[in-house]
N, C-alpha and C. Protein backbone atom coordinates (compact mmCIF):
# COMPACT_ATOMS: atom_id res chain seq x y z
N MET A 1 175.83 232.93 121.94
CA MET A 1 175.32 231.59 122.09
C MET A 1 175.94 230.90 123.32
N LEU A 2 177.26 231.02 123.43
CA LEU A 2 177.94 230.41 124.58
C LEU A 2 177.46 231.03 125.88
N LEU A 3 177.28 232.36 125.90
CA LEU A 3 176.82 233.03 127.10
C LEU A 3 175.42 232.56 127.47
N ALA A 4 174.58 232.38 126.51
CA ALA A 4 173.22 231.91 126.78
C ALA A 4 173.25 230.50 127.36
N THR A 5 174.14 229.66 126.85
CA THR A 5 174.24 228.29 127.36
C THR A 5 174.73 228.29 128.80
N LEU A 6 175.74 229.12 129.09
CA LEU A 6 176.26 229.19 130.46
C LEU A 6 175.21 229.72 131.43
N LEU A 7 174.45 230.72 131.01
CA LEU A 7 173.41 231.27 131.87
C LEU A 7 172.29 230.28 132.11
N ALA A 8 172.00 229.45 131.12
CA ALA A 8 170.94 228.46 131.25
C ALA A 8 171.30 227.39 132.28
N CYS A 9 172.61 227.11 132.42
CA CYS A 9 173.04 226.09 133.38
C CYS A 9 172.81 226.54 134.81
N GLY A 10 172.86 227.83 135.06
CA GLY A 10 172.64 228.36 136.40
C GLY A 10 173.87 228.24 137.26
N ALA A 11 173.76 228.72 138.47
CA ALA A 11 174.87 228.68 139.43
C ALA A 11 174.99 227.28 140.00
N PRO A 12 176.21 226.88 140.35
CA PRO A 12 176.37 225.56 140.95
C PRO A 12 175.59 225.45 142.26
N ASP A 13 175.06 224.29 142.50
CA ASP A 13 174.30 224.01 143.71
C ASP A 13 175.26 223.93 144.89
N GLU A 14 175.10 224.76 145.90
CA GLU A 14 176.01 224.78 147.04
C GLU A 14 175.90 223.51 147.86
N ASP A 15 174.82 222.76 147.70
CA ASP A 15 174.66 221.53 148.46
C ASP A 15 175.28 220.33 147.76
N SER A 16 175.86 220.54 146.54
CA SER A 16 176.47 219.40 145.85
C SER A 16 177.84 219.13 146.44
N GLY A 17 178.34 217.89 146.25
CA GLY A 17 179.64 217.50 146.78
C GLY A 17 179.49 216.77 148.09
N PRO A 18 180.59 216.22 148.58
CA PRO A 18 180.51 215.43 149.81
C PRO A 18 180.26 216.32 151.03
N PRO A 19 179.64 215.77 152.05
CA PRO A 19 179.44 216.54 153.28
C PRO A 19 180.80 216.91 153.88
N ALA A 20 180.88 218.00 154.57
CA ALA A 20 182.14 218.50 155.13
C ALA A 20 182.82 217.47 156.01
N GLU A 21 182.06 216.66 156.74
CA GLU A 21 182.68 215.67 157.62
C GLU A 21 183.34 214.53 156.85
N ASP A 22 183.05 214.38 155.54
CA ASP A 22 183.66 213.34 154.71
C ASP A 22 184.91 213.83 153.99
N ILE A 23 185.24 215.09 154.10
CA ILE A 23 186.42 215.64 153.42
C ILE A 23 187.62 215.49 154.34
N VAL A 24 188.66 214.84 153.82
CA VAL A 24 189.88 214.60 154.61
C VAL A 24 190.97 215.50 154.06
N THR A 25 191.63 216.23 154.92
CA THR A 25 192.75 217.07 154.54
C THR A 25 194.01 216.46 155.11
N TYR A 26 195.00 216.24 154.22
CA TYR A 26 196.25 215.65 154.66
C TYR A 26 197.27 216.75 154.90
N PRO A 27 198.08 216.61 155.97
CA PRO A 27 199.11 217.62 156.23
C PRO A 27 200.21 217.52 155.17
N PRO A 28 200.93 218.60 154.91
CA PRO A 28 202.01 218.52 153.94
C PRO A 28 203.11 217.59 154.44
N VAL A 29 203.77 216.94 153.48
CA VAL A 29 204.86 216.03 153.82
C VAL A 29 206.12 216.85 154.02
N SER A 30 206.80 216.63 155.12
CA SER A 30 208.06 217.33 155.35
C SER A 30 209.16 216.29 155.50
N GLY A 31 210.31 216.59 154.99
CA GLY A 31 211.44 215.67 155.09
C GLY A 31 211.28 214.50 154.14
N ASP A 32 211.96 213.40 154.45
CA ASP A 32 211.97 212.22 153.61
C ASP A 32 210.79 211.31 153.97
N PRO A 33 209.90 211.04 153.01
CA PRO A 33 208.75 210.19 153.31
C PRO A 33 209.10 208.70 153.39
N CYS A 34 210.32 208.31 153.02
CA CYS A 34 210.70 206.90 153.04
C CYS A 34 211.17 206.49 154.43
N GLU A 35 210.58 205.43 154.94
CA GLU A 35 211.08 204.85 156.18
C GLU A 35 212.26 203.94 155.88
N GLU A 36 212.24 203.29 154.69
CA GLU A 36 213.31 202.38 154.30
C GLU A 36 213.58 202.55 152.81
N ILE A 37 214.84 202.74 152.46
CA ILE A 37 215.26 202.72 151.06
C ILE A 37 215.97 201.39 150.86
N ARG A 38 215.45 200.59 149.93
CA ARG A 38 215.90 199.21 149.80
C ARG A 38 216.38 198.93 148.38
N LEU A 39 217.50 198.24 148.27
CA LEU A 39 218.08 197.83 147.01
C LEU A 39 217.75 196.37 146.79
N GLU A 40 217.18 196.02 145.65
CA GLU A 40 216.87 194.63 145.36
C GLU A 40 217.53 194.22 144.06
N VAL A 41 217.99 192.98 143.99
CA VAL A 41 218.63 192.46 142.79
C VAL A 41 217.92 191.20 142.33
N GLY A 42 217.87 191.02 141.04
CA GLY A 42 217.35 189.80 140.44
C GLY A 42 218.51 189.11 139.75
N GLY A 43 218.87 187.93 140.23
CA GLY A 43 220.00 187.18 139.69
C GLY A 43 220.65 186.40 140.79
N ASN A 44 221.66 185.61 140.41
CA ASN A 44 222.38 184.81 141.41
C ASN A 44 223.08 185.72 142.41
N ASP A 45 222.88 185.42 143.69
CA ASP A 45 223.48 186.23 144.75
C ASP A 45 224.12 185.29 145.76
N PRO A 46 225.42 185.21 145.84
CA PRO A 46 226.43 186.08 145.24
C PRO A 46 226.65 185.73 143.76
N PRO A 47 227.09 186.74 143.00
CA PRO A 47 227.27 186.53 141.56
C PRO A 47 228.63 185.91 141.23
N VAL A 48 228.71 185.32 140.03
CA VAL A 48 229.97 184.87 139.47
C VAL A 48 230.18 185.64 138.17
N VAL A 49 231.42 185.63 137.68
CA VAL A 49 231.73 186.33 136.43
C VAL A 49 230.79 185.84 135.33
N GLY A 50 230.17 186.77 134.62
CA GLY A 50 229.22 186.44 133.56
C GLY A 50 227.77 186.56 133.98
N ASP A 51 227.50 186.54 135.28
CA ASP A 51 226.12 186.69 135.75
C ASP A 51 225.60 188.08 135.45
N VAL A 52 224.27 188.18 135.33
CA VAL A 52 223.59 189.45 135.08
C VAL A 52 222.62 189.69 136.23
N TRP A 53 222.65 190.90 136.74
CA TRP A 53 221.69 191.32 137.76
C TRP A 53 220.80 192.41 137.19
N LEU A 54 219.52 192.34 137.51
CA LEU A 54 218.60 193.47 137.34
C LEU A 54 218.49 194.10 138.71
N VAL A 55 218.67 195.41 138.79
CA VAL A 55 218.75 196.10 140.08
C VAL A 55 217.62 197.12 140.17
N TRP A 56 216.93 197.13 141.33
CA TRP A 56 215.83 198.07 141.57
C TRP A 56 216.02 198.74 142.91
N LEU A 57 215.51 199.95 143.03
CA LEU A 57 215.56 200.70 144.28
C LEU A 57 214.12 200.99 144.71
N TYR A 58 213.84 200.73 145.99
CA TYR A 58 212.49 200.91 146.53
C TYR A 58 212.50 201.92 147.67
N CYS A 59 211.43 202.68 147.76
CA CYS A 59 211.12 203.53 148.91
C CYS A 59 209.97 202.82 149.61
N ASP A 60 210.25 202.21 150.74
CA ASP A 60 209.29 201.34 151.42
C ASP A 60 208.87 200.26 150.44
N GLU A 61 207.62 200.19 150.05
CA GLU A 61 207.16 199.16 149.11
C GLU A 61 207.00 199.69 147.69
N ALA A 62 207.35 200.95 147.44
CA ALA A 62 207.16 201.57 146.12
C ALA A 62 208.45 201.53 145.32
N LEU A 63 208.37 201.04 144.10
CA LEU A 63 209.50 201.04 143.18
C LEU A 63 209.78 202.47 142.76
N LEU A 64 211.04 202.90 142.91
CA LEU A 64 211.41 204.25 142.49
C LEU A 64 211.70 204.25 140.99
N THR A 65 211.13 205.20 140.29
CA THR A 65 211.35 205.33 138.86
C THR A 65 211.84 206.73 138.56
N GLY A 66 212.39 206.90 137.39
CA GLY A 66 212.90 208.20 137.00
C GLY A 66 214.36 208.09 136.61
N THR A 67 215.07 209.20 136.67
CA THR A 67 216.47 209.20 136.31
C THR A 67 217.24 208.31 137.27
N MET A 68 217.94 207.33 136.70
CA MET A 68 218.59 206.31 137.52
C MET A 68 220.08 206.26 137.20
N LEU A 69 220.89 206.01 138.22
CA LEU A 69 222.33 205.83 138.06
C LEU A 69 222.73 204.57 138.81
N LEU A 70 223.32 203.62 138.07
CA LEU A 70 223.84 202.40 138.67
C LEU A 70 225.33 202.37 138.35
N GLN A 71 226.17 202.24 139.39
CA GLN A 71 227.60 202.22 139.16
C GLN A 71 228.29 201.29 140.14
N PHE A 72 229.48 200.85 139.73
CA PHE A 72 230.29 199.94 140.53
C PHE A 72 231.65 200.57 140.77
N SER A 73 232.19 200.28 141.95
CA SER A 73 233.54 200.71 142.28
C SER A 73 234.27 199.48 142.79
N PRO A 74 235.30 199.01 142.12
CA PRO A 74 235.93 199.55 140.93
C PRO A 74 235.04 199.31 139.68
N PRO A 75 235.13 200.22 138.70
CA PRO A 75 234.25 200.15 137.54
C PRO A 75 234.45 198.90 136.67
N GLU A 76 235.63 198.27 136.73
CA GLU A 76 235.86 197.07 135.91
C GLU A 76 235.18 195.83 136.48
N LEU A 77 234.54 195.94 137.64
CA LEU A 77 233.83 194.82 138.24
C LEU A 77 232.62 194.41 137.40
N ALA A 78 231.91 195.41 136.82
CA ALA A 78 230.70 195.11 136.07
C ALA A 78 230.46 196.17 135.01
N SER A 79 229.82 195.75 133.92
CA SER A 79 229.34 196.73 132.94
C SER A 79 227.88 197.01 133.27
N VAL A 80 227.43 198.20 132.94
CA VAL A 80 226.08 198.63 133.32
C VAL A 80 225.36 199.18 132.10
N GLU A 81 224.10 198.76 131.96
CA GLU A 81 223.20 199.34 130.96
C GLU A 81 221.83 199.47 131.63
N ASP A 82 221.38 200.71 131.81
CA ASP A 82 220.14 201.01 132.53
C ASP A 82 220.23 200.40 133.94
N ASN A 83 219.32 199.47 134.26
CA ASN A 83 219.36 198.86 135.60
C ASN A 83 219.88 197.42 135.54
N GLU A 84 220.66 197.12 134.49
CA GLU A 84 221.20 195.78 134.31
C GLU A 84 222.72 195.82 134.44
N ALA A 85 223.26 194.95 135.29
CA ALA A 85 224.71 194.85 135.51
C ALA A 85 225.18 193.47 135.09
N THR A 86 226.24 193.43 134.29
CA THR A 86 226.87 192.18 133.90
C THR A 86 228.25 192.14 134.54
N PHE A 87 228.52 191.10 135.33
CA PHE A 87 229.77 191.02 136.07
C PHE A 87 230.89 190.55 135.15
N LEU A 88 231.98 191.34 135.14
CA LEU A 88 233.08 191.13 134.20
C LEU A 88 234.32 190.52 134.82
N SER A 89 234.54 190.72 136.12
CA SER A 89 235.76 190.21 136.76
C SER A 89 235.46 189.83 138.20
N ALA A 90 236.30 188.91 138.70
CA ALA A 90 236.17 188.48 140.09
C ALA A 90 236.77 189.54 140.99
N GLY A 91 236.20 189.67 142.18
CA GLY A 91 236.72 190.62 143.14
C GLY A 91 235.63 191.17 144.03
N THR A 92 236.02 192.11 144.87
CA THR A 92 235.10 192.75 145.80
C THR A 92 234.97 194.21 145.43
N GLY A 93 233.76 194.73 145.53
CA GLY A 93 233.54 196.13 145.22
C GLY A 93 232.24 196.62 145.82
N THR A 94 231.88 197.82 145.43
CA THR A 94 230.66 198.45 145.93
C THR A 94 229.74 198.77 144.76
N MET A 95 228.48 198.40 144.90
CA MET A 95 227.46 198.76 143.92
C MET A 95 226.65 199.90 144.53
N ARG A 96 226.39 200.93 143.74
CA ARG A 96 225.58 202.06 144.20
C ARG A 96 224.50 202.33 143.17
N MET A 97 223.26 202.44 143.65
CA MET A 97 222.16 202.82 142.77
C MET A 97 221.52 204.07 143.33
N GLN A 98 221.24 205.01 142.43
CA GLN A 98 220.57 206.25 142.80
C GLN A 98 219.43 206.51 141.83
N VAL A 99 218.28 206.86 142.39
CA VAL A 99 217.12 207.28 141.61
C VAL A 99 216.67 208.60 142.21
N GLY A 100 216.78 209.67 141.43
CA GLY A 100 216.48 211.00 141.97
C GLY A 100 217.43 211.29 143.11
N SER A 101 216.90 211.66 144.25
CA SER A 101 217.75 211.98 145.41
C SER A 101 217.92 210.79 146.36
N LYS A 102 217.31 209.66 146.03
CA LYS A 102 217.40 208.46 146.88
C LYS A 102 218.51 207.56 146.37
N TRP A 103 219.28 206.97 147.30
CA TRP A 103 220.35 206.06 146.90
C TRP A 103 220.59 205.02 147.97
N GLN A 104 221.27 203.95 147.53
CA GLN A 104 221.64 202.87 148.43
C GLN A 104 222.89 202.19 147.87
N GLU A 105 223.74 201.70 148.75
CA GLU A 105 224.95 200.99 148.35
C GLU A 105 224.96 199.62 148.99
N ARG A 106 225.72 198.72 148.37
CA ARG A 106 225.95 197.41 148.97
C ARG A 106 227.26 196.86 148.47
N GLU A 107 227.91 196.07 149.32
CA GLU A 107 229.14 195.41 148.92
C GLU A 107 228.80 194.20 148.07
N VAL A 108 229.63 193.97 147.05
CA VAL A 108 229.42 192.84 146.14
C VAL A 108 230.72 192.05 146.06
N VAL A 109 230.62 190.72 146.20
CA VAL A 109 231.76 189.83 146.04
C VAL A 109 231.47 188.94 144.85
N VAL A 110 232.29 189.07 143.81
CA VAL A 110 232.09 188.31 142.56
C VAL A 110 233.14 187.21 142.50
N SER A 111 232.69 185.97 142.27
CA SER A 111 233.60 184.82 142.17
C SER A 111 233.85 184.47 140.71
N GLU A 112 234.92 183.68 140.50
CA GLU A 112 235.25 183.18 139.14
C GLU A 112 234.19 182.23 138.66
């Protein structure tokens, strides 16, 4: 029954589909496709102790998603949960966010 149904449909029409001049072929991407890797924060900037930041990493205008690592050096500067940082102590440190193989750092100065 299935064979009869397939035979009844016939061969695909070679003239179906877009004309060859409308088909665009893109070259393979080599290297890093990002022109700019950008770190963005949502919250008071500069922060004070107790402030919370939501942190995002962008490749050009695209939000990077996937396995994410947000960390501070020194680690006692802020606690981290997912992409949310809560500032615990005053001081100067470095915030680093990585998503996949993309990363960005920035200096952070936290006031009392």
